[in-house]
C-alpha cells in the first residue's frame, strides 16, 4: 500500500471488543517520507486526544519500522498498547504479511518486536525495568488518597502496592496534584497494583499518568515492564495473567524472561482512514 496521505487507524488494544481496552491512533507515514516536525506530531496527538498517538515510518533498509509515541502532552520513551496497536495495523493494512514478525526501532528503548499467534494474541518483546527502593517525590503517593503497603521505583514510574483489589479499584487520585510533577525530572506516573480477587488472575493494576497528560491510562502495557519483576519476586513465578481495572479495562498475558518482558494482548480496529492535514514541509528521503 502506498499513498501520499498518512494512513490513520484507531485501534483498541488489550481487548477483543470495540470501545474496551486502550485506544491508540496509529499514523503510518508513506514510504519515502520523513517524520514531520515534532511540533506537528504533538499537535496531531493533541487533535486525536487519546492516551497515545503512534507514528510509524518504514526504514530505508527495509528492516522494520521506526516508531515514536506521543501523548497529548509529550513524546514518551516506551508505550505498550500503541506498539501492540501498531503491529495490528501493519498486519491489517497488508504492510506486513500475516505471519511476519513486526520489528520496531525506537529512539530510547531499542529494538522491539511483536508476533501474533493463531488465536490472534499479539506478543510484545520489551525490556524489563529495574526495580529499586528509591523514594518517590514528596506528595506523589499522597496524591493517590490512600496508603499502600509498599512503594517501589520502576522508573520512569513508581509502583504503589496495595493489600487487595478493592483498594486499587476505589482509588480517586488528586490528578491536579499529580500533574504538577515533571514527567522527565520527577516521574511519568504512578502504578497502583495488588493481588487479584479472581483466582484466574494473578494481579491487577491501574496507571495514573497525569504528569504525562493522561489522568488514567486505560491499559498500560509498558507499566507491566515494572509489574513483571515486582510480582515475580512476590509470587515466586514468572508467568502471569494480569488485568487492568480501569473503567474500560483490559487483559494481558505477561512473562518475565531475564531482562525482557513478554506482554501479550488482543486488538481490534475501530476506525480506518487517512490524514488530510499532512505537513507541507515534508520532503522525500
C-alpha atoms as a PDB file:
ATOM      1  CA  UNK A   1       0.000   0.000   0.000  1.00  0.00           C
ATOM      2  CA  UNK A   2       1.420   3.406  -0.973  1.00  0.00           C
ATOM      3  CA  UNK A   3      -0.254   6.760  -0.665  1.00  0.00           C
ATOM      4  CA  UNK A   4       0.739  10.392  -0.454  1.00  0.00           C
ATOM      5  CA  UNK A   5      -1.544  10.618   2.582  1.00  0.00           C
ATOM      6  CA  UNK A   6      -0.833   9.278   6.029  1.00  0.00           C
ATOM      7  CA  UNK A   7      -2.954   6.241   6.859  1.00  0.00           C
ATOM      8  CA  UNK A   8      -4.684   6.654  10.214  1.00  0.00           C
ATOM      9  CA  UNK A   9      -6.340   3.928  12.255  1.00  0.00           C
ATOM     10  CA  UNK A  10      -7.796   3.933  15.736  1.00  0.00           C
ATOM     11  CA  UNK A  11      -7.310   0.586  17.409  1.00  0.00           C
ATOM     12  CA  UNK A  12      -8.430  -0.683  20.800  1.00  0.00           C
ATOM     13  CA  UNK A  13      -5.587  -2.665  22.371  1.00  0.00           C
ATOM     14  CA  UNK A  14      -5.618  -5.360  25.056  1.00  0.00           C
ATOM     15  CA  UNK A  15      -9.194  -6.271  24.201  1.00  0.00           C
ATOM     16  CA  UNK A  16     -11.186  -8.138  21.556  1.00  0.00           C
ATOM     17  CA  UNK A  17     -14.192  -5.829  21.955  1.00  0.00           C
ATOM     18  CA  UNK A  18     -14.596  -2.348  20.464  1.00  0.00           C
ATOM     19  CA  UNK A  19     -14.683   0.530  22.955  1.00  0.00           C
ATOM     20  CA  UNK A  20     -12.844  -1.512  25.586  1.00  0.00           C
ATOM     21  CA  UNK A  21      -9.145  -1.765  26.357  1.00  0.00           C
ATOM     22  CA  UNK A  22      -6.907   1.164  25.467  1.00  0.00           C
ATOM     23  CA  UNK A  23      -7.427   3.127  22.234  1.00  0.00           C
ATOM     24  CA  UNK A  24      -4.445   4.268  20.184  1.00  0.00           C
ATOM     25  CA  UNK A  25      -4.234   6.284  16.992  1.00  0.00           C
ATOM     26  CA  UNK A  26      -1.785   4.704  14.551  1.00  0.00           C
ATOM     27  CA  UNK A  27      -0.411   7.062  11.913  1.00  0.00           C
ATOM     28  CA  UNK A  28       1.540   5.347   9.118  1.00  0.00           C
ATOM     29  CA  UNK A  29       3.857   7.633   7.157  1.00  0.00           C
ATOM     30  CA  UNK A  30       4.060   6.806   3.421  1.00  0.00           C
ATOM     31  CA  UNK A  31       7.199   5.073   2.199  1.00  0.00           C
ATOM     32  CA  UNK A  32       9.917   7.553   1.293  1.00  0.00           C
ATOM     33  CA  UNK A  33       8.635  10.324   3.552  1.00  0.00           C
ATOM     34  CA  UNK A  34      10.417  11.725   6.587  1.00  0.00           C
ATOM     35  CA  UNK A  35       8.931  12.179  10.017  1.00  0.00           C
ATOM     36  CA  UNK A  36       7.180  15.558  10.221  1.00  0.00           C
ATOM     37  CA  UNK A  37       8.436  18.157  12.678  1.00  0.00           C
ATOM     38  CA  UNK A  38       7.956  17.288  16.340  1.00  0.00           C
ATOM     39  CA  UNK A  39       5.535  20.194  16.795  1.00  0.00           C
ATOM     40  CA  UNK A  40       3.266  18.717  14.124  1.00  0.00           C
ATOM     41  CA  UNK A  41       3.478  15.240  15.668  1.00  0.00           C
ATOM     42  CA  UNK A  42       2.472  16.634  19.064  1.00  0.00           C
ATOM     43  CA  UNK A  43      -0.321  18.736  17.543  1.00  0.00           C
ATOM     44  CA  UNK A  44      -1.694  15.647  15.809  1.00  0.00           C
ATOM     45  CA  UNK A  45      -1.617  13.754  19.113  1.00  0.00           C
ATOM     46  CA  UNK A  46      -3.497  16.606  20.750  1.00  0.00           C
ATOM     47  CA  UNK A  47      -6.045  16.520  17.929  1.00  0.00           C
ATOM     48  CA  UNK A  48      -6.595  12.786  18.406  1.00  0.00           C
ATOM     49  CA  UNK A  49      -6.770  13.327  22.199  1.00  0.00           C
ATOM     50  CA  UNK A  50      -6.133   9.671  23.051  1.00  0.00           C
ATOM     51  CA  UNK A  51      -3.688   8.349  25.602  1.00  0.00           C
ATOM     52  CA  UNK A  52      -1.293   7.668  22.740  1.00  0.00           C
ATOM     53  CA  UNK A  53      -0.798   8.520  19.086  1.00  0.00           C
ATOM     54  CA  UNK A  54       1.930   6.446  17.484  1.00  0.00           C
ATOM     55  CA  UNK A  55       3.833   7.203  14.259  1.00  0.00           C
ATOM     56  CA  UNK A  56       5.405   4.547  12.058  1.00  0.00           C
ATOM     57  CA  UNK A  57       7.906   5.016   9.244  1.00  0.00           C
ATOM     58  CA  UNK A  58       9.402   2.157   7.219  1.00  0.00           C
ATOM     59  CA  UNK A  59      13.186   2.149   7.465  1.00  0.00           C
ATOM     60  CA  UNK A  60      15.153   2.616   4.269  1.00  0.00           C
ATOM     61  CA  UNK A  61      16.990  -0.655   4.923  1.00  0.00           C
ATOM     62  CA  UNK A  62      13.562  -2.353   4.974  1.00  0.00           C
ATOM     63  CA  UNK A  63      14.454  -3.987   8.290  1.00  0.00           C
ATOM     64  CA  UNK A  64      11.412  -2.787  10.174  1.00  0.00           C
ATOM     65  CA  UNK A  65       9.730   0.452  11.149  1.00  0.00           C
ATOM     66  CA  UNK A  66      10.827   3.456  13.155  1.00  0.00           C
ATOM     67  CA  UNK A  67       8.312   4.113  15.916  1.00  0.00           C
ATOM     68  CA  UNK A  68       7.528   7.174  18.025  1.00  0.00           C
ATOM     69  CA  UNK A  69       4.838   7.597  20.692  1.00  0.00           C
ATOM     70  CA  UNK A  70       3.119  10.834  21.751  1.00  0.00           C
ATOM     71  CA  UNK A  71       0.593  11.571  24.457  1.00  0.00           C
ATOM     72  CA  UNK A  72      -1.340  14.859  24.116  1.00  0.00           C
ATOM     73  CA  UNK A  73       1.389  16.353  26.308  1.00  0.00           C
ATOM     74  CA  UNK A  74       4.748  14.956  25.208  1.00  0.00           C
ATOM     75  CA  UNK A  75       6.759  12.279  23.446  1.00  0.00           C
ATOM     76  CA  UNK A  76       7.318   9.179  25.597  1.00  0.00           C
ATOM     77  CA  UNK A  77      10.131   6.642  25.559  1.00  0.00           C
ATOM     78  CA  UNK A  78       8.028   3.478  25.500  1.00  0.00           C
ATOM     79  CA  UNK A  79       4.370   2.558  25.064  1.00  0.00           C
ATOM     80  CA  UNK A  80       2.981  -0.958  25.110  1.00  0.00           C
ATOM     81  CA  UNK A  81      -0.605  -0.605  23.934  1.00  0.00           C
ATOM     82  CA  UNK A  82       0.304   1.645  21.000  1.00  0.00           C
ATOM     83  CA  UNK A  83       3.051  -0.772  19.915  1.00  0.00           C
ATOM     84  CA  UNK A  84       0.566  -3.628  20.034  1.00  0.00           C
ATOM     85  CA  UNK A  85      -1.873  -1.488  18.026  1.00  0.00           C
ATOM     86  CA  UNK A  86       0.912  -0.673  15.536  1.00  0.00           C
ATOM     87  CA  UNK A  87       1.626  -4.327  14.845  1.00  0.00           C
ATOM     88  CA  UNK A  88      -2.093  -4.995  14.438  1.00  0.00           C
ATOM     89  CA  UNK A  89      -2.335  -2.062  11.986  1.00  0.00           C
ATOM     90  CA  UNK A  90       0.574  -3.304   9.869  1.00  0.00           C
ATOM     91  CA  UNK A  91      -0.996  -6.742   9.513  1.00  0.00           C
ATOM     92  CA  UNK A  92      -4.468  -5.289   8.898  1.00  0.00           C
ATOM     93  CA  UNK A  93      -3.253  -2.989   6.103  1.00  0.00           C
ATOM     94  CA  UNK A  94      -1.081  -5.617   4.444  1.00  0.00           C
ATOM     95  CA  UNK A  95       2.150  -3.722   5.090  1.00  0.00           C
ATOM     96  CA  UNK A  96       3.285  -6.907   6.834  1.00  0.00           C
ATOM     97  CA  UNK A  97       2.314 -10.452   5.916  1.00  0.00           C
ATOM     98  CA  UNK A  98       0.066 -12.121   8.476  1.00  0.00           C
ATOM     99  CA  UNK A  99       2.805 -14.406   9.801  1.00  0.00           C
ATOM    100  CA  UNK A 100       5.594 -11.850   9.645  1.00  0.00           C
ATOM    101  CA  UNK A 101       7.163 -10.514  12.846  1.00  0.00           C
ATOM    102  CA  UNK A 102       6.778  -6.766  13.334  1.00  0.00           C
ATOM    103  CA  UNK A 103      10.098  -5.091  14.131  1.00  0.00           C
ATOM    104  CA  UNK A 104      10.145  -1.591  15.628  1.00  0.00           C
ATOM    105  CA  UNK A 105      13.202   0.614  16.084  1.00  0.00           C
ATOM    106  CA  UNK A 106      12.714   3.118  18.889  1.00  0.00           C
ATOM    107  CA  UNK A 107      14.833   6.080  19.962  1.00  0.00           C
ATOM    108  CA  UNK A 108      15.187   5.170  23.632  1.00  0.00           C
ATOM    109  CA  UNK A 109      14.022   1.591  24.150  1.00  0.00           C
ATOM    110  CA  UNK A 110      15.965  -0.249  21.460  1.00  0.00           C
ATOM    111  CA  UNK A 111      14.508  -2.783  19.050  1.00  0.00           C
ATOM    112  CA  UNK A 112      11.053  -4.089  19.939  1.00  0.00           C
ATOM    113  CA  UNK A 113       9.206  -6.936  18.262  1.00  0.00           C
ATOM    114  CA  UNK A 114       5.634  -8.205  18.032  1.00  0.00           C
ATOM    115  CA  UNK A 115       4.364 -11.568  16.855  1.00  0.00           C
ATOM    116  CA  UNK A 116       0.844 -12.968  16.507  1.00  0.00           C
ATOM    117  CA  UNK A 117      -0.398 -16.459  17.328  1.00  0.00           C
ATOM    118  CA  UNK A 118      -3.240 -18.368  15.706  1.00  0.00           C
ATOM    119  CA  UNK A 119      -5.727 -17.146  18.300  1.00  0.00           C
ATOM    120  CA  UNK A 120      -4.994 -13.508  17.450  1.00  0.00           C
ATOM    121  CA  UNK A 121      -2.977 -12.712  20.580  1.00  0.00           C
ATOM    122  CA  UNK A 122      -0.109 -10.334  19.888  1.00  0.00           C
ATOM    123  CA  UNK A 123       3.031 -10.750  21.993  1.00  0.00           C
ATOM    124  CA  UNK A 124       5.397  -7.840  22.546  1.00  0.00           C
ATOM    125  CA  UNK A 125       9.052  -8.291  23.480  1.00  0.00           C
ATOM    126  CA  UNK A 126      10.013  -5.362  25.741  1.00  0.00           C
ATOM    127  CA  UNK A 127      12.851  -4.534  28.146  1.00  0.00           C
ATOM    128  CA  UNK A 128      12.112  -5.055  31.829  1.00  0.00           C
ATOM    129  CA  UNK A 129      12.541  -2.198  34.276  1.00  0.00           C
ATOM    130  CA  UNK A 130      14.976  -2.213  37.152  1.00  0.00           C
ATOM    131  CA  UNK A 131      13.156  -2.081  40.490  1.00  0.00           C
ATOM    132  CA  UNK A 132      14.744  -0.056  43.287  1.00  0.00           C
ATOM    133  CA  UNK A 133      13.747   1.357  46.658  1.00  0.00           C
ATOM    134  CA  UNK A 134      14.317   4.934  45.539  1.00  0.00           C
ATOM    135  CA  UNK A 135      11.869   7.209  47.345  1.00  0.00           C
ATOM    136  CA  UNK A 136       9.190   8.939  45.244  1.00  0.00           C
ATOM    137  CA  UNK A 137       8.927  12.724  45.127  1.00  0.00           C
ATOM    138  CA  UNK A 138       7.249  14.217  48.181  1.00  0.00           C
ATOM    139  CA  UNK A 139       3.495  14.374  47.680  1.00  0.00           C
ATOM    140  CA  UNK A 140       3.309  11.919  44.753  1.00  0.00           C
ATOM    141  CA  UNK A 141       1.999   8.861  46.619  1.00  0.00           C
ATOM    142  CA  UNK A 142      -0.114  11.053  48.907  1.00  0.00           C
ATOM    143  CA  UNK A 143      -1.965  12.235  45.793  1.00  0.00           C
ATOM    144  CA  UNK A 144      -3.441   8.738  45.450  1.00  0.00           C
ATOM    145  CA  UNK A 145      -5.613   9.398  48.501  1.00  0.00           C
ATOM    146  CA  UNK A 146      -4.847   6.012  50.098  1.00  0.00           C
ATOM    147  CA  UNK A 147      -1.846   4.467  51.819  1.00  0.00           C
ATOM    148  CA  UNK A 148      -0.221   1.492  50.045  1.00  0.00           C
ATOM    149  CA  UNK A 149       1.602  -1.212  51.986  1.00  0.00           C
ATOM    150  CA  UNK A 150       4.765  -0.671  49.921  1.00  0.00           C
ATOM    151  CA  UNK A 151       6.205   1.685  47.301  1.00  0.00           C
ATOM    152  CA  UNK A 152       8.986   0.791  44.874  1.00  0.00           C
ATOM    153  CA  UNK A 153      10.565   2.588  41.958  1.00  0.00           C
ATOM    154  CA  UNK A 154      10.353   1.258  38.418  1.00  0.00           C
ATOM    155  CA  UNK A 155      11.439   4.404  36.612  1.00  0.00           C
ATOM    156  CA  UNK A 156      10.071   6.385  34.958  1.00  0.00           C
ATOM    157  CA  UNK A 157       7.150   5.426  37.222  1.00  0.00           C
ATOM    158  CA  UNK A 158       6.658   4.479  40.840  1.00  0.00           C
ATOM    159  CA  UNK A 159       4.587   1.495  41.924  1.00  0.00           C
ATOM    160  CA  UNK A 160       2.236   1.595  44.920  1.00  0.00           C
ATOM    161  CA  UNK A 161       1.467  -1.936  46.108  1.00  0.00           C
ATOM    162  CA  UNK A 162      -1.845  -2.379  47.947  1.00  0.00           C
ATOM    163  CA  UNK A 163      -3.214  -5.234  50.027  1.00  0.00           C
ATOM    164  CA  UNK A 164      -6.224  -6.054  47.857  1.00  0.00           C
ATOM    165  CA  UNK A 165      -8.055  -5.325  44.630  1.00  0.00           C
ATOM    166  CA  UNK A 166     -10.863  -3.339  46.226  1.00  0.00           C
ATOM    167  CA  UNK A 167      -8.344  -0.749  47.417  1.00  0.00           C
ATOM    168  CA  UNK A 168      -6.965  -0.341  43.893  1.00  0.00           C
ATOM    169  CA  UNK A 169     -10.429  -0.057  42.377  1.00  0.00           C
ATOM    170  CA  UNK A 170     -11.504   2.537  44.972  1.00  0.00           C
ATOM    171  CA  UNK A 171      -8.635   4.962  44.312  1.00  0.00           C
ATOM    172  CA  UNK A 172      -9.663   8.512  43.412  1.00  0.00           C
ATOM    173  CA  UNK A 173      -6.366  10.351  42.934  1.00  0.00           C
ATOM    174  CA  UNK A 174      -5.852  14.086  43.083  1.00  0.00           C
ATOM    175  CA  UNK A 175      -4.932  14.442  39.418  1.00  0.00           C
ATOM    176  CA  UNK A 176      -4.188  18.156  39.708  1.00  0.00           C
ATOM    177  CA  UNK A 177      -1.547  17.413  42.333  1.00  0.00           C
ATOM    178  CA  UNK A 178      -0.028  14.640  40.224  1.00  0.00           C
ATOM    179  CA  UNK A 179       0.080  16.889  37.161  1.00  0.00           C
ATOM    180  CA  UNK A 180       2.457  19.270  38.959  1.00  0.00           C
ATOM    181  CA  UNK A 181       5.303  16.771  38.712  1.00  0.00           C
ATOM    182  CA  UNK A 182       7.643  16.976  35.750  1.00  0.00           C
ATOM    183  CA  UNK A 183       7.416  13.708  33.737  1.00  0.00           C
ATOM    184  CA  UNK A 184      11.130  13.797  32.889  1.00  0.00           C
ATOM    185  CA  UNK A 185      12.671  15.107  36.104  1.00  0.00           C
ATOM    186  CA  UNK A 186      10.320  13.566  38.681  1.00  0.00           C
ATOM    187  CA  UNK A 187       8.014  10.805  37.477  1.00  0.00           C
ATOM    188  CA  UNK A 188       5.903   9.814  34.476  1.00  0.00           C
ATOM    189  CA  UNK A 189       3.156   8.281  36.561  1.00  0.00           C
ATOM    190  CA  UNK A 190       2.143   6.025  39.441  1.00  0.00           C
ATOM    191  CA  UNK A 191       1.181   2.379  39.041  1.00  0.00           C
ATOM    192  CA  UNK A 192      -1.246   1.067  41.661  1.00  0.00           C
ATOM    193  CA  UNK A 193      -1.330  -2.717  41.965  1.00  0.00           C
ATOM    194  CA  UNK A 194      -2.439  -5.576  44.204  1.00  0.00           C
ATOM    195  CA  UNK A 195      -3.149  -9.308  44.099  1.00  0.00           C
ATOM    196  CA  UNK A 196      -6.330 -10.064  42.171  1.00  0.00           C
ATOM    197  CA  UNK A 197      -9.562 -11.284  43.719  1.00  0.00           C
ATOM    198  CA  UNK A 198     -10.237 -13.645  40.795  1.00  0.00           C
ATOM    199  CA  UNK A 199      -8.192 -16.860  41.253  1.00  0.00           C
ATOM    200  CA  UNK A 200      -7.647 -16.984  37.476  1.00  0.00           C
ATOM    201  CA  UNK A 201      -5.817 -13.639  37.557  1.00  0.00           C
ATOM    202  CA  UNK A 202      -2.509 -13.030  39.347  1.00  0.00           C
ATOM    203  CA  UNK A 203      -2.568  -9.266  39.850  1.00  0.00           C
ATOM    204  CA  UNK A 204      -4.484  -6.136  38.931  1.00  0.00           C
ATOM    205  CA  UNK A 205      -3.312  -2.600  38.305  1.00  0.00           C
ATOM    206  CA  UNK A 206      -4.230   0.954  37.405  1.00  0.00           C
ATOM    207  CA  UNK A 207      -1.900   3.586  35.958  1.00  0.00           C
ATOM    208  CA  UNK A 208      -2.162   7.299  36.687  1.00  0.00           C
ATOM    209  CA  UNK A 209      -0.047   9.416  34.348  1.00  0.00           C
ATOM    210  CA  UNK A 210      -1.179  12.999  34.928  1.00  0.00           C
ATOM    211  CA  UNK A 211       2.428  14.298  34.589  1.00  0.00           C
ATOM    212  CA  UNK A 212       2.409  12.963  31.011  1.00  0.00           C
ATOM    213  CA  UNK A 213      -1.011  14.429  30.247  1.00  0.00           C
ATOM    214  CA  UNK A 214      -3.131  11.318  30.935  1.00  0.00           C
ATOM    215  CA  UNK A 215      -5.021  11.148  34.222  1.00  0.00           C
ATOM    216  CA  UNK A 216      -5.623   7.401  33.889  1.00  0.00           C
ATOM    217  CA  UNK A 217      -4.245   5.240  31.119  1.00  0.00           C
ATOM    218  CA  UNK A 218      -6.924   2.586  30.477  1.00  0.00           C
ATOM    219  CA  UNK A 219      -4.446  -0.277  29.901  1.00  0.00           C
ATOM    220  CA  UNK A 220      -0.710   0.390  30.097  1.00  0.00           C
ATOM    221  CA  UNK A 221       1.491  -2.274  28.551  1.00  0.00           C
ATOM    222  CA  UNK A 222       4.777  -0.599  29.474  1.00  0.00           C
ATOM    223  CA  UNK A 223       3.767  -0.480  33.158  1.00  0.00           C
ATOM    224  CA  UNK A 224       3.992  -4.268  33.093  1.00  0.00           C
ATOM    225  CA  UNK A 225       7.714  -3.955  32.357  1.00  0.00           C
ATOM    226  CA  UNK A 226       7.907  -2.992  36.039  1.00  0.00           C
ATOM    227  CA  UNK A 227       4.995  -5.101  37.287  1.00  0.00           C
ATOM    228  CA  UNK A 228       6.500  -8.343  35.945  1.00  0.00           C
ATOM    229  CA  UNK A 229       9.686  -8.231  38.068  1.00  0.00           C
ATOM    230  CA  UNK A 230       7.741  -6.863  41.057  1.00  0.00           C
ATOM    231  CA  UNK A 231       5.268  -9.747  41.084  1.00  0.00           C
ATOM    232  CA  UNK A 232       7.869 -12.345  40.092  1.00  0.00           C
ATOM    233  CA  UNK A 233       9.669 -11.601  43.352  1.00  0.00           C
ATOM    234  CA  UNK A 234       6.486 -11.622  45.440  1.00  0.00           C
ATOM    235  CA  UNK A 235       4.688 -14.578  43.859  1.00  0.00           C
ATOM    236  CA  UNK A 236       7.705 -16.754  43.023  1.00  0.00           C
ATOM    237  CA  UNK A 237       6.693 -17.253  39.395  1.00  0.00           C
ATOM    238  CA  UNK A 238       7.446 -15.665  36.029  1.00  0.00           C
ATOM    239  CA  UNK A 239       4.229 -16.110  34.039  1.00  0.00           C
ATOM    240  CA  UNK A 240       1.122 -14.114  34.867  1.00  0.00           C
ATOM    241  CA  UNK A 241      -2.391 -13.299  33.808  1.00  0.00           C
ATOM    242  CA  UNK A 242      -2.975  -9.636  34.576  1.00  0.00           C
ATOM    243  CA  UNK A 243      -5.933  -7.286  34.457  1.00  0.00           C
ATOM    244  CA  UNK A 244      -6.018  -3.523  34.380  1.00  0.00           C
ATOM    245  CA  UNK A 245      -9.099  -2.448  36.326  1.00  0.00           C
ATOM    246  CA  UNK A 246      -9.728   0.956  34.779  1.00  0.00           C
ATOM    247  CA  UNK A 247     -13.207   1.870  33.594  1.00  0.00           C
ATOM    248  CA  UNK A 248     -12.525   0.392  30.132  1.00  0.00           C
ATOM    249  CA  UNK A 249     -10.422  -2.490  31.470  1.00  0.00           C
ATOM    250  CA  UNK A 250      -8.124  -4.893  29.690  1.00  0.00           C
ATOM    251  CA  UNK A 251      -6.477  -8.316  29.906  1.00  0.00           C
ATOM    252  CA  UNK A 252      -2.795  -9.140  29.480  1.00  0.00           C
ATOM    253  CA  UNK A 253      -0.600 -12.211  29.499  1.00  0.00           C
ATOM    254  CA  UNK A 254       2.786 -11.345  30.961  1.00  0.00           C
ATOM    255  CA  UNK A 255       6.012 -13.300  31.371  1.00  0.00           C
ATOM    256  CA  UNK A 256       9.427 -12.324  32.687  1.00  0.00           C
ATOM    257  CA  UNK A 257      12.359 -13.771  30.745  1.00  0.00           C
ATOM    258  CA  UNK A 258      15.642 -12.474  32.141  1.00  0.00           C
ATOM    259  CA  UNK A 259      15.898  -8.781  31.312  1.00  0.00           C
ATOM    260  CA  UNK A 260      12.956  -8.953  28.889  1.00  0.00           C
ATOM    261  CA  UNK A 261       9.214  -8.932  29.477  1.00  0.00           C
ATOM    262  CA  UNK A 262       6.756 -10.590  27.097  1.00  0.00           C
ATOM    263  CA  UNK A 263       3.400  -8.797  27.090  1.00  0.00           C
ATOM    264  CA  UNK A 264       0.519 -10.267  25.101  1.00  0.00           C
ATOM    265  CA  UNK A 265      -2.932  -8.960  24.295  1.00  0.00           C
ATOM    266  CA  UNK A 266      -5.546  -8.722  21.597  1.00  0.00           C
ATOM    267  CA  UNK A 267      -6.569  -5.758  19.443  1.00  0.00           C
ATOM    268  CA  UNK A 268      -9.451  -4.612  17.265  1.00  0.00           C
ATOM    269  CA  UNK A 269      -9.666  -1.853  14.660  1.00  0.00           C
ATOM    270  CA  UNK A 270     -12.384   0.728  15.311  1.00  0.00           C
ATOM    271  CA  UNK A 271     -11.812   3.299  12.530  1.00  0.00           C
ATOM    272  CA  UNK A 272      -9.660   3.488   9.419  1.00  0.00           C
ATOM    273  CA  UNK A 273      -8.939   6.478   7.181  1.00  0.00           C
ATOM    274  CA  UNK A 274      -6.259   8.998   6.303  1.00  0.00           C
ATOM    275  CA  UNK A 275      -4.820  12.308   7.467  1.00  0.00           C
ATOM    276  CA  UNK A 276      -5.581  15.186   5.108  1.00  0.00           C
ATOM    277  CA  UNK A 277      -3.625  17.807   7.034  1.00  0.00           C
ATOM    278  CA  UNK A 278      -0.181  16.428   6.199  1.00  0.00           C
ATOM    279  CA  UNK A 279       2.614  18.955   6.764  1.00  0.00           C
ATOM    280  CA  UNK A 280       3.590  20.971   3.655  1.00  0.00           C
ATOM    281  CA  UNK A 281       7.287  20.911   4.551  1.00  0.00           C
ATOM    282  CA  UNK A 282       7.636  17.124   4.185  1.00  0.00           C
ATOM    283  CA  UNK A 283      10.301  16.072   1.689  1.00  0.00           C
ATOM    284  CA  UNK A 284      11.109  12.674   0.273  1.00  0.00           C
ATOM    285  CA  UNK A 285      14.248  10.978   1.514  1.00  0.00           C
END
